[in-house]
């Protein structure tokens, strides 16, 4: 691939076409490196989100089971949530874990394992995977308006099985589980 084909696209015009508490969509008019103009290139803007692989002192992983309207189905996943304005990824991870599950631990026991790009073609979103050690149910769950969550605990062996058999089938969640298990030497 030559340098010209790797050159960045130039944004000729950009405007926000949808902005709600749940979704922000930008429409760009772009110019490619060879001068070709492309209109109506849509990009979802996002502050990103944090995902928490939370492990109890007896090596059980905290999971949440909840309905997701986009796919009209109930999913099993790690606790996760969007980064609020002015919030950093670690604060988001700690808040989401406590709100969704009631589980907490000290800030020192939250470790950023890795940040991932979610969908580079049409989104600015990244997600940040945290490992939280020695979590315990010390808080009261505080659901957002759209949340109705059941908390479950799973062993490392169950986590491997859930990703392999599709019980955990959200792509970003499956990647997060495998990555965390690998870091912990539990694959």
N, C-alpha and C. Protein backbone atom coordinates (compact mmCIF):
# COMPACT_ATOMS: atom_id res chain seq x y z
N UNK A 1 0.86 -1.17 0.00
CA UNK A 1 0.00 0.00 0.00
C UNK A 1 0.90 1.23 0.00
N UNK A 2 0.66 2.15 -0.94
CA UNK A 2 1.50 3.35 -0.98
C UNK A 2 1.01 4.39 0.02
N UNK A 3 1.84 5.39 0.25
CA UNK A 3 1.55 6.40 1.27
C UNK A 3 0.25 7.16 0.98
N UNK A 4 -0.02 7.44 -0.30
CA UNK A 4 -1.23 8.20 -0.65
C UNK A 4 -2.49 7.46 -0.21
N UNK A 5 -2.51 6.12 -0.34
CA UNK A 5 -3.72 5.39 0.04
C UNK A 5 -3.88 5.30 1.56
N UNK A 6 -2.82 5.62 2.31
CA UNK A 6 -2.91 5.60 3.76
C UNK A 6 -3.15 6.99 4.34
N UNK A 7 -3.14 8.00 3.49
CA UNK A 7 -3.34 9.37 3.97
C UNK A 7 -4.73 9.50 4.58
N UNK A 8 -4.87 10.35 5.58
CA UNK A 8 -6.19 10.50 6.22
C UNK A 8 -7.20 11.18 5.29
N UNK A 9 -8.44 10.90 5.58
CA UNK A 9 -9.51 11.56 4.85
C UNK A 9 -9.65 12.98 5.38
N UNK A 10 -10.09 13.88 4.53
CA UNK A 10 -10.29 15.27 4.94
C UNK A 10 -11.80 15.50 5.10
N UNK A 11 -12.18 16.04 6.25
CA UNK A 11 -13.58 16.37 6.49
C UNK A 11 -13.85 17.75 5.92
N UNK A 12 -14.73 17.79 4.93
CA UNK A 12 -15.09 19.04 4.26
C UNK A 12 -16.18 19.76 5.05
N UNK A 13 -17.13 18.98 5.56
CA UNK A 13 -18.24 19.53 6.35
C UNK A 13 -18.68 18.46 7.33
N UNK A 14 -19.15 18.89 8.49
CA UNK A 14 -19.60 17.96 9.51
C UNK A 14 -20.74 18.59 10.29
N UNK A 15 -21.76 17.80 10.58
CA UNK A 15 -22.86 18.31 11.40
C UNK A 15 -23.47 17.17 12.21
N UNK A 16 -23.95 17.51 13.39
CA UNK A 16 -24.65 16.54 14.23
C UNK A 16 -26.09 16.47 13.73
N UNK A 17 -26.53 15.25 13.42
CA UNK A 17 -27.89 15.08 12.89
C UNK A 17 -28.85 14.47 13.91
N UNK A 18 -28.31 13.77 14.90
CA UNK A 18 -29.13 13.23 15.99
C UNK A 18 -28.32 13.38 17.27
N UNK A 19 -28.98 13.92 18.30
CA UNK A 19 -28.34 13.99 19.61
C UNK A 19 -29.41 13.77 20.67
N UNK A 20 -29.25 12.67 21.38
CA UNK A 20 -30.18 12.34 22.46
C UNK A 20 -29.35 11.80 23.62
N UNK A 21 -29.97 11.55 24.76
CA UNK A 21 -29.21 10.96 25.87
C UNK A 21 -28.62 9.58 25.54
N UNK A 22 -29.14 8.92 24.50
CA UNK A 22 -28.73 7.56 24.18
C UNK A 22 -27.90 7.43 22.91
N UNK A 23 -27.85 8.50 22.12
CA UNK A 23 -27.26 8.36 20.79
C UNK A 23 -26.87 9.73 20.23
N UNK A 24 -25.66 9.79 19.64
CA UNK A 24 -25.22 11.01 18.97
C UNK A 24 -24.64 10.60 17.62
N UNK A 25 -25.21 11.14 16.55
CA UNK A 25 -24.82 10.77 15.20
C UNK A 25 -24.37 12.01 14.42
N UNK A 26 -23.21 11.87 13.80
CA UNK A 26 -22.61 12.96 13.02
C UNK A 26 -22.64 12.56 11.54
N UNK A 27 -22.90 13.52 10.67
CA UNK A 27 -22.86 13.29 9.23
C UNK A 27 -21.71 14.11 8.66
N UNK A 28 -20.74 13.43 8.03
CA UNK A 28 -19.59 14.10 7.45
C UNK A 28 -19.66 14.07 5.93
N UNK A 29 -19.16 15.13 5.34
CA UNK A 29 -18.87 15.17 3.91
C UNK A 29 -17.35 15.08 3.86
N UNK A 30 -16.82 14.08 3.17
CA UNK A 30 -15.38 13.84 3.22
C UNK A 30 -14.75 13.88 1.84
N UNK A 31 -13.45 14.12 1.85
CA UNK A 31 -12.66 14.05 0.63
C UNK A 31 -11.56 13.01 0.85
N UNK A 32 -11.51 12.04 -0.04
CA UNK A 32 -10.51 10.98 0.05
C UNK A 32 -9.16 11.50 -0.45
N UNK A 33 -8.07 10.81 -0.15
CA UNK A 33 -6.74 11.27 -0.56
C UNK A 33 -6.60 11.50 -2.06
N UNK A 34 -7.37 10.75 -2.87
CA UNK A 34 -7.27 10.93 -4.33
C UNK A 34 -8.17 12.05 -4.85
N UNK A 35 -8.86 12.78 -3.93
CA UNK A 35 -9.73 13.89 -4.31
C UNK A 35 -11.20 13.53 -4.45
N UNK A 36 -11.53 12.25 -4.40
CA UNK A 36 -12.93 11.83 -4.50
C UNK A 36 -13.71 12.36 -3.30
N UNK A 37 -14.88 12.90 -3.58
CA UNK A 37 -15.76 13.40 -2.52
C UNK A 37 -16.84 12.37 -2.20
N UNK A 38 -17.07 12.16 -0.90
CA UNK A 38 -18.09 11.24 -0.44
C UNK A 38 -19.00 12.00 0.52
N UNK A 39 -20.28 11.95 0.25
CA UNK A 39 -21.24 12.63 1.11
C UNK A 39 -21.95 11.67 2.03
N UNK A 40 -22.53 12.22 3.06
CA UNK A 40 -23.36 11.47 4.00
C UNK A 40 -22.66 10.25 4.58
N UNK A 41 -21.46 10.47 5.11
CA UNK A 41 -20.73 9.43 5.82
C UNK A 41 -21.07 9.61 7.31
N UNK A 42 -21.80 8.66 7.89
CA UNK A 42 -22.31 8.79 9.25
C UNK A 42 -21.37 8.15 10.26
N UNK A 43 -21.16 8.86 11.37
CA UNK A 43 -20.29 8.39 12.44
C UNK A 43 -21.01 8.57 13.77
N UNK A 44 -21.07 7.51 14.54
CA UNK A 44 -21.65 7.59 15.89
C UNK A 44 -20.57 8.11 16.83
N UNK A 45 -20.85 9.22 17.49
CA UNK A 45 -19.91 9.78 18.46
C UNK A 45 -20.20 9.22 19.84
N UNK A 46 -19.13 8.98 20.60
CA UNK A 46 -19.28 8.37 21.92
C UNK A 46 -18.09 8.73 22.80
N UNK A 47 -18.35 8.88 24.10
CA UNK A 47 -17.26 9.04 25.06
C UNK A 47 -16.65 7.69 25.40
N UNK A 48 -17.29 6.61 24.95
CA UNK A 48 -16.82 5.27 25.22
C UNK A 48 -17.47 4.69 26.45
N UNK A 49 -17.02 3.52 26.83
CA UNK A 49 -17.60 2.86 27.99
C UNK A 49 -16.56 1.99 28.67
N UNK A 50 -16.87 1.59 29.88
CA UNK A 50 -16.00 0.71 30.66
C UNK A 50 -16.69 -0.62 30.90
N UNK A 51 -15.88 -1.68 30.88
CA UNK A 51 -16.33 -3.04 31.14
C UNK A 51 -15.52 -3.55 32.33
N UNK A 52 -16.18 -4.27 33.25
CA UNK A 52 -15.48 -4.71 34.46
C UNK A 52 -15.52 -6.23 34.59
N UNK A 53 -14.34 -6.82 34.62
CA UNK A 53 -14.18 -8.24 34.94
C UNK A 53 -13.93 -8.27 36.44
N UNK A 54 -15.00 -8.43 37.20
CA UNK A 54 -14.95 -8.33 38.67
C UNK A 54 -14.88 -9.72 39.27
N UNK A 55 -13.87 -9.93 40.12
CA UNK A 55 -13.62 -11.25 40.71
C UNK A 55 -13.70 -11.17 42.23
N UNK A 56 -14.49 -12.07 42.81
CA UNK A 56 -14.61 -12.13 44.27
C UNK A 56 -13.37 -12.81 44.86
N UNK A 57 -13.24 -12.77 46.17
CA UNK A 57 -12.09 -13.39 46.83
C UNK A 57 -12.06 -14.90 46.64
N UNK A 58 -13.22 -15.51 46.35
CA UNK A 58 -13.24 -16.96 46.10
C UNK A 58 -13.27 -17.28 44.59
N UNK A 59 -12.78 -16.33 43.79
CA UNK A 59 -12.60 -16.48 42.34
C UNK A 59 -13.89 -16.76 41.58
N UNK A 60 -14.90 -15.99 41.88
CA UNK A 60 -16.15 -16.01 41.12
C UNK A 60 -16.25 -14.68 40.38
N UNK A 61 -16.72 -14.74 39.16
CA UNK A 61 -16.83 -13.55 38.31
C UNK A 61 -18.26 -13.03 38.39
N UNK A 62 -18.40 -11.72 38.57
CA UNK A 62 -19.72 -11.08 38.68
C UNK A 62 -20.24 -10.78 37.28
N UNK A 63 -21.46 -11.25 37.00
CA UNK A 63 -22.12 -11.04 35.72
C UNK A 63 -23.47 -10.38 35.90
N UNK A 64 -23.96 -9.77 34.83
CA UNK A 64 -25.29 -9.18 34.85
C UNK A 64 -26.10 -9.77 33.69
N UNK A 65 -27.35 -10.04 33.99
CA UNK A 65 -28.29 -10.52 32.97
C UNK A 65 -29.35 -9.44 32.83
N UNK A 66 -29.51 -8.94 31.59
CA UNK A 66 -30.47 -7.86 31.38
C UNK A 66 -30.96 -7.81 29.94
N UNK A 67 -32.13 -7.21 29.77
CA UNK A 67 -32.75 -7.02 28.46
C UNK A 67 -32.03 -5.90 27.71
N UNK A 68 -31.79 -6.12 26.41
CA UNK A 68 -31.21 -5.11 25.54
C UNK A 68 -32.18 -4.86 24.40
N UNK A 69 -32.70 -3.64 24.33
CA UNK A 69 -33.75 -3.32 23.38
C UNK A 69 -33.30 -3.42 21.92
N UNK A 70 -32.06 -3.05 21.62
CA UNK A 70 -31.59 -3.08 20.24
C UNK A 70 -31.75 -4.44 19.59
N UNK A 71 -31.49 -5.50 20.34
CA UNK A 71 -31.64 -6.86 19.79
C UNK A 71 -32.89 -7.56 20.32
N UNK A 72 -33.65 -6.86 21.18
CA UNK A 72 -34.90 -7.40 21.73
C UNK A 72 -34.68 -8.77 22.36
N UNK A 73 -33.66 -8.82 23.24
CA UNK A 73 -33.34 -10.10 23.89
C UNK A 73 -32.62 -9.82 25.20
N UNK A 74 -32.56 -10.83 26.03
CA UNK A 74 -31.83 -10.77 27.30
C UNK A 74 -30.43 -11.31 27.06
N UNK A 75 -29.43 -10.61 27.58
CA UNK A 75 -28.04 -11.03 27.41
C UNK A 75 -27.38 -11.19 28.77
N UNK A 76 -26.35 -12.03 28.79
CA UNK A 76 -25.51 -12.21 29.97
C UNK A 76 -24.17 -11.59 29.64
N UNK A 77 -23.70 -10.71 30.51
CA UNK A 77 -22.46 -10.00 30.22
C UNK A 77 -21.79 -9.52 31.50
N UNK A 78 -20.60 -8.98 31.32
CA UNK A 78 -19.89 -8.33 32.42
C UNK A 78 -20.54 -6.99 32.69
N UNK A 79 -20.45 -6.46 33.91
CA UNK A 79 -20.98 -5.13 34.17
C UNK A 79 -20.26 -4.12 33.27
N UNK A 80 -21.02 -3.18 32.74
CA UNK A 80 -20.46 -2.20 31.82
C UNK A 80 -21.38 -1.00 31.73
N UNK A 81 -20.82 0.11 31.28
CA UNK A 81 -21.65 1.28 31.08
C UNK A 81 -20.87 2.43 30.48
N UNK A 82 -21.62 3.38 29.96
CA UNK A 82 -21.06 4.54 29.29
C UNK A 82 -20.38 5.51 30.24
N UNK A 83 -19.34 6.12 29.74
CA UNK A 83 -18.60 7.13 30.50
C UNK A 83 -19.41 8.43 30.48
N UNK A 84 -19.71 8.95 31.64
CA UNK A 84 -20.48 10.19 31.77
C UNK A 84 -19.60 11.41 31.45
N UNK A 85 -20.23 12.54 31.10
CA UNK A 85 -19.44 13.75 30.86
C UNK A 85 -18.58 14.10 32.08
N UNK A 86 -17.31 14.39 31.84
CA UNK A 86 -16.39 14.76 32.91
C UNK A 86 -15.86 13.59 33.72
N UNK A 87 -16.22 12.38 33.37
CA UNK A 87 -15.82 11.19 34.11
C UNK A 87 -14.71 10.47 33.35
N UNK A 88 -13.77 9.87 34.08
CA UNK A 88 -12.75 9.06 33.41
C UNK A 88 -13.20 7.60 33.40
N UNK A 89 -12.48 6.79 32.63
CA UNK A 89 -12.89 5.39 32.44
C UNK A 89 -12.87 4.59 33.74
N UNK A 90 -11.88 4.82 34.61
CA UNK A 90 -11.81 4.07 35.86
C UNK A 90 -12.97 4.43 36.79
N UNK A 91 -13.26 5.71 36.91
CA UNK A 91 -14.39 6.14 37.74
C UNK A 91 -15.68 5.52 37.22
N UNK A 92 -15.83 5.50 35.89
CA UNK A 92 -17.00 4.88 35.27
C UNK A 92 -17.08 3.40 35.64
N UNK A 93 -15.96 2.70 35.55
CA UNK A 93 -15.94 1.26 35.86
C UNK A 93 -16.36 1.01 37.30
N UNK A 94 -15.83 1.79 38.22
CA UNK A 94 -16.17 1.63 39.63
C UNK A 94 -17.64 1.93 39.87
N UNK A 95 -18.14 3.00 39.27
CA UNK A 95 -19.54 3.40 39.43
C UNK A 95 -20.48 2.34 38.85
N UNK A 96 -20.19 1.90 37.64
CA UNK A 96 -21.07 0.92 36.99
C UNK A 96 -21.12 -0.40 37.75
N UNK A 97 -19.97 -0.85 38.23
CA UNK A 97 -19.96 -2.10 39.01
C UNK A 97 -20.86 -1.98 40.23
N UNK A 98 -20.72 -0.89 40.97
CA UNK A 98 -21.53 -0.69 42.18
C UNK A 98 -23.01 -0.53 41.84
N UNK A 99 -23.31 0.31 40.84
CA UNK A 99 -24.71 0.56 40.50
C UNK A 99 -25.41 -0.68 39.97
N UNK A 100 -24.77 -1.39 39.05
CA UNK A 100 -25.42 -2.53 38.41
C UNK A 100 -25.48 -3.76 39.30
N UNK A 101 -24.46 -3.95 40.14
CA UNK A 101 -24.36 -5.23 40.86
C UNK A 101 -24.39 -5.11 42.38
N UNK A 102 -24.04 -3.93 42.91
CA UNK A 102 -23.89 -3.79 44.35
C UNK A 102 -22.53 -4.24 44.84
N UNK A 103 -21.68 -4.72 43.94
CA UNK A 103 -20.33 -5.16 44.31
C UNK A 103 -19.36 -3.99 44.21
N UNK A 104 -18.40 -3.98 45.16
CA UNK A 104 -17.39 -2.93 45.19
C UNK A 104 -16.06 -3.51 45.66
N UNK A 105 -15.02 -2.72 45.45
CA UNK A 105 -13.70 -2.98 46.01
C UNK A 105 -12.99 -1.64 46.07
N UNK A 106 -11.78 -1.62 46.58
CA UNK A 106 -11.05 -0.36 46.69
C UNK A 106 -10.51 0.05 45.32
N UNK A 107 -10.30 1.35 45.11
CA UNK A 107 -9.77 1.83 43.82
C UNK A 107 -8.44 1.18 43.43
N UNK A 108 -7.62 0.84 44.42
CA UNK A 108 -6.32 0.22 44.13
C UNK A 108 -6.47 -1.17 43.51
N UNK A 109 -7.63 -1.78 43.68
CA UNK A 109 -7.85 -3.12 43.16
C UNK A 109 -8.54 -3.11 41.80
N UNK A 110 -8.65 -1.92 41.20
CA UNK A 110 -9.14 -1.78 39.83
C UNK A 110 -7.94 -1.57 38.93
N UNK A 111 -7.74 -2.47 37.98
CA UNK A 111 -6.58 -2.40 37.09
C UNK A 111 -7.06 -2.33 35.64
N UNK A 112 -6.61 -1.33 34.91
CA UNK A 112 -6.92 -1.25 33.49
C UNK A 112 -6.13 -2.35 32.78
N UNK A 113 -6.85 -3.27 32.15
CA UNK A 113 -6.18 -4.33 31.41
C UNK A 113 -5.85 -3.90 29.99
N UNK A 114 -6.80 -3.16 29.39
CA UNK A 114 -6.59 -2.77 28.00
C UNK A 114 -7.77 -1.94 27.53
N UNK A 115 -7.53 -1.08 26.55
CA UNK A 115 -8.60 -0.36 25.87
C UNK A 115 -8.71 -0.92 24.45
N UNK A 116 -9.93 -1.05 23.98
CA UNK A 116 -10.22 -1.62 22.66
C UNK A 116 -10.98 -0.61 21.82
N UNK A 117 -10.78 -0.66 20.52
CA UNK A 117 -11.58 0.11 19.57
C UNK A 117 -12.82 -0.73 19.29
N UNK A 118 -13.99 -0.12 19.39
CA UNK A 118 -15.22 -0.89 19.22
C UNK A 118 -15.54 -1.13 17.75
N UNK A 119 -15.69 -0.06 16.98
CA UNK A 119 -16.04 -0.20 15.57
C UNK A 119 -15.47 0.98 14.81
N UNK A 120 -14.24 0.85 14.29
CA UNK A 120 -13.54 2.01 13.73
C UNK A 120 -14.13 2.57 12.43
N UNK A 121 -14.95 1.81 11.74
CA UNK A 121 -15.52 2.28 10.48
C UNK A 121 -16.55 3.38 10.67
N UNK A 122 -17.38 3.25 11.73
CA UNK A 122 -18.47 4.21 11.86
C UNK A 122 -18.75 4.65 13.29
N UNK A 123 -17.74 4.59 14.15
CA UNK A 123 -17.93 5.01 15.54
C UNK A 123 -16.61 5.51 16.12
N UNK A 124 -16.71 6.46 17.04
CA UNK A 124 -15.53 6.95 17.76
C UNK A 124 -15.31 6.18 19.05
N UNK A 125 -16.14 5.20 19.33
CA UNK A 125 -16.16 4.54 20.63
C UNK A 125 -14.99 3.60 20.88
N UNK A 126 -14.49 3.68 22.11
CA UNK A 126 -13.51 2.74 22.64
C UNK A 126 -14.09 2.20 23.95
N UNK A 127 -13.71 0.98 24.26
CA UNK A 127 -14.10 0.49 25.58
C UNK A 127 -12.86 0.09 26.35
N UNK A 128 -12.98 0.26 27.67
CA UNK A 128 -11.86 0.10 28.59
C UNK A 128 -12.18 -1.05 29.53
N UNK A 129 -11.34 -2.08 29.47
CA UNK A 129 -11.56 -3.28 30.27
C UNK A 129 -10.77 -3.19 31.56
N UNK A 130 -11.48 -3.29 32.67
CA UNK A 130 -10.87 -3.25 34.00
C UNK A 130 -11.01 -4.60 34.68
N UNK A 131 -9.97 -4.97 35.41
CA UNK A 131 -10.02 -6.10 36.31
C UNK A 131 -10.20 -5.54 37.71
N UNK A 132 -11.24 -6.00 38.40
CA UNK A 132 -11.49 -5.59 39.79
C UNK A 132 -11.35 -6.83 40.66
N UNK A 133 -10.45 -6.77 41.61
CA UNK A 133 -10.17 -7.94 42.46
C UNK A 133 -10.84 -7.78 43.83
N UNK A 134 -11.14 -8.93 44.44
CA UNK A 134 -11.70 -8.97 45.79
C UNK A 134 -12.97 -8.14 45.95
N UNK A 135 -13.84 -8.22 44.95
CA UNK A 135 -15.10 -7.48 45.05
C UNK A 135 -16.04 -8.19 46.02
N UNK A 136 -16.91 -7.40 46.64
CA UNK A 136 -17.88 -7.94 47.59
C UNK A 136 -19.16 -7.12 47.48
N UNK A 137 -20.32 -7.73 47.79
CA UNK A 137 -21.60 -7.01 47.70
C UNK A 137 -21.82 -6.08 48.89
N UNK A 138 -21.24 -4.88 48.82
CA UNK A 138 -21.31 -3.94 49.94
C UNK A 138 -22.16 -2.71 49.63
N UNK A 139 -22.61 -2.55 48.39
CA UNK A 139 -23.39 -1.37 48.00
C UNK A 139 -24.82 -1.78 47.64
N UNK A 140 -25.66 -0.79 47.50
CA UNK A 140 -27.03 -1.01 47.05
C UNK A 140 -27.09 -0.74 45.55
N UNK A 141 -27.70 -1.65 44.81
CA UNK A 141 -27.84 -1.44 43.38
C UNK A 141 -28.65 -0.18 43.12
N UNK A 142 -28.26 0.57 42.08
CA UNK A 142 -28.97 1.79 41.67
C UNK A 142 -29.12 1.74 40.15
N UNK A 143 -30.25 1.22 39.70
CA UNK A 143 -30.45 1.05 38.26
C UNK A 143 -30.79 2.36 37.57
N UNK A 144 -30.32 2.49 36.33
CA UNK A 144 -30.78 3.57 35.45
C UNK A 144 -32.21 3.25 35.06
N UNK A 145 -32.89 4.21 34.46
CA UNK A 145 -34.28 4.04 34.05
C UNK A 145 -34.49 2.80 33.19
N UNK A 146 -33.55 2.49 32.32
CA UNK A 146 -33.72 1.40 31.37
C UNK A 146 -33.14 0.07 31.85
N UNK A 147 -32.69 0.00 33.09
CA UNK A 147 -32.05 -1.22 33.59
C UNK A 147 -32.96 -2.02 34.52
N UNK A 148 -32.95 -3.30 34.34
CA UNK A 148 -33.58 -4.27 35.23
C UNK A 148 -32.63 -5.47 35.21
N UNK A 149 -31.76 -5.55 36.21
CA UNK A 149 -30.60 -6.44 36.17
C UNK A 149 -30.68 -7.54 37.21
N UNK A 150 -30.32 -8.74 36.78
CA UNK A 150 -30.12 -9.86 37.70
C UNK A 150 -28.62 -10.12 37.76
N UNK A 151 -28.09 -10.26 38.96
CA UNK A 151 -26.66 -10.52 39.15
C UNK A 151 -26.44 -12.03 39.27
N UNK A 152 -25.40 -12.50 38.61
CA UNK A 152 -25.02 -13.91 38.68
C UNK A 152 -23.52 -14.00 38.94
N UNK A 153 -23.10 -15.10 39.51
CA UNK A 153 -21.68 -15.37 39.71
C UNK A 153 -21.30 -16.61 38.93
N UNK A 154 -20.08 -16.61 38.38
CA UNK A 154 -19.62 -17.75 37.59
C UNK A 154 -18.16 -18.04 37.90
N UNK A 155 -17.79 -19.30 37.80
CA UNK A 155 -16.39 -19.69 37.96
C UNK A 155 -15.64 -19.36 36.66
N UNK A 156 -14.31 -19.43 36.71
CA UNK A 156 -13.52 -19.20 35.51
C UNK A 156 -13.86 -20.25 34.45
N UNK A 157 -14.06 -21.50 34.86
CA UNK A 157 -14.43 -22.56 33.92
C UNK A 157 -15.77 -22.26 33.26
N UNK A 158 -16.72 -21.77 34.03
CA UNK A 158 -18.02 -21.40 33.46
C UNK A 158 -17.87 -20.24 32.48
N UNK A 159 -17.01 -19.28 32.80
CA UNK A 159 -16.80 -18.14 31.91
C UNK A 159 -16.27 -18.61 30.56
N UNK A 160 -15.29 -19.53 30.58
CA UNK A 160 -14.77 -20.07 29.32
C UNK A 160 -15.89 -20.75 28.55
N UNK A 161 -16.68 -21.56 29.23
CA UNK A 161 -17.78 -22.27 28.58
C UNK A 161 -18.82 -21.29 28.03
N UNK A 162 -19.14 -20.24 28.77
CA UNK A 162 -20.15 -19.28 28.32
C UNK A 162 -19.75 -18.59 27.02
N UNK A 163 -18.46 -18.29 26.87
CA UNK A 163 -18.02 -17.65 25.63
C UNK A 163 -18.00 -18.67 24.50
N UNK A 164 -17.54 -19.86 24.79
CA UNK A 164 -17.45 -20.89 23.75
C UNK A 164 -18.82 -21.35 23.25
N UNK A 165 -19.80 -21.46 24.17
CA UNK A 165 -21.11 -21.98 23.74
C UNK A 165 -22.10 -20.88 23.36
N UNK A 166 -21.69 -19.62 23.44
CA UNK A 166 -22.56 -18.53 23.02
C UNK A 166 -23.46 -17.99 24.11
N UNK A 167 -23.34 -18.48 25.33
CA UNK A 167 -24.13 -17.91 26.43
C UNK A 167 -23.78 -16.43 26.59
N UNK A 168 -22.49 -16.11 26.47
CA UNK A 168 -22.04 -14.72 26.35
C UNK A 168 -21.72 -14.53 24.88
N UNK A 169 -22.58 -13.79 24.17
CA UNK A 169 -22.41 -13.69 22.72
C UNK A 169 -22.28 -12.27 22.18
N UNK A 170 -22.19 -11.28 23.04
CA UNK A 170 -21.90 -9.92 22.60
C UNK A 170 -20.40 -9.88 22.29
N UNK A 171 -20.02 -9.47 21.09
CA UNK A 171 -18.63 -9.54 20.65
C UNK A 171 -17.64 -8.87 21.57
N UNK A 172 -17.93 -7.64 21.99
CA UNK A 172 -17.01 -6.92 22.87
C UNK A 172 -16.89 -7.62 24.22
N UNK A 173 -17.96 -8.22 24.67
CA UNK A 173 -17.95 -8.95 25.94
C UNK A 173 -17.12 -10.23 25.84
N UNK A 174 -17.30 -10.96 24.75
CA UNK A 174 -16.52 -12.19 24.55
C UNK A 174 -15.03 -11.87 24.51
N UNK A 175 -14.67 -10.81 23.79
CA UNK A 175 -13.26 -10.41 23.73
C UNK A 175 -12.74 -10.04 25.12
N UNK A 176 -13.55 -9.31 25.87
CA UNK A 176 -13.15 -8.88 27.22
C UNK A 176 -12.94 -10.09 28.13
N UNK A 177 -13.84 -11.06 28.06
CA UNK A 177 -13.72 -12.26 28.90
C UNK A 177 -12.45 -13.02 28.56
N UNK A 178 -12.24 -13.28 27.28
CA UNK A 178 -11.02 -14.01 26.88
C UNK A 178 -9.76 -13.26 27.28
N UNK A 179 -9.75 -11.96 27.09
CA UNK A 179 -8.55 -11.19 27.41
C UNK A 179 -8.28 -11.25 28.92
N UNK A 180 -9.32 -11.04 29.72
CA UNK A 180 -9.14 -11.08 31.18
C UNK A 180 -8.70 -12.47 31.65
N UNK A 181 -9.33 -13.51 31.13
CA UNK A 181 -8.93 -14.87 31.50
C UNK A 181 -7.47 -15.13 31.14
N UNK A 182 -7.05 -14.63 29.99
CA UNK A 182 -5.66 -14.81 29.56
C UNK A 182 -4.70 -14.08 30.52
N UNK A 183 -5.02 -12.84 30.88
CA UNK A 183 -4.19 -12.08 31.81
C UNK A 183 -4.07 -12.81 33.15
N UNK A 184 -5.17 -13.40 33.59
CA UNK A 184 -5.19 -14.13 34.86
C UNK A 184 -4.60 -15.54 34.76
N UNK A 185 -4.24 -15.97 33.55
CA UNK A 185 -3.70 -17.32 33.38
C UNK A 185 -4.75 -18.39 33.54
N UNK A 186 -6.01 -18.07 33.20
CA UNK A 186 -7.13 -19.00 33.43
C UNK A 186 -7.77 -19.48 32.13
N UNK A 187 -7.12 -19.28 31.00
CA UNK A 187 -7.71 -19.74 29.74
C UNK A 187 -7.70 -21.21 29.63
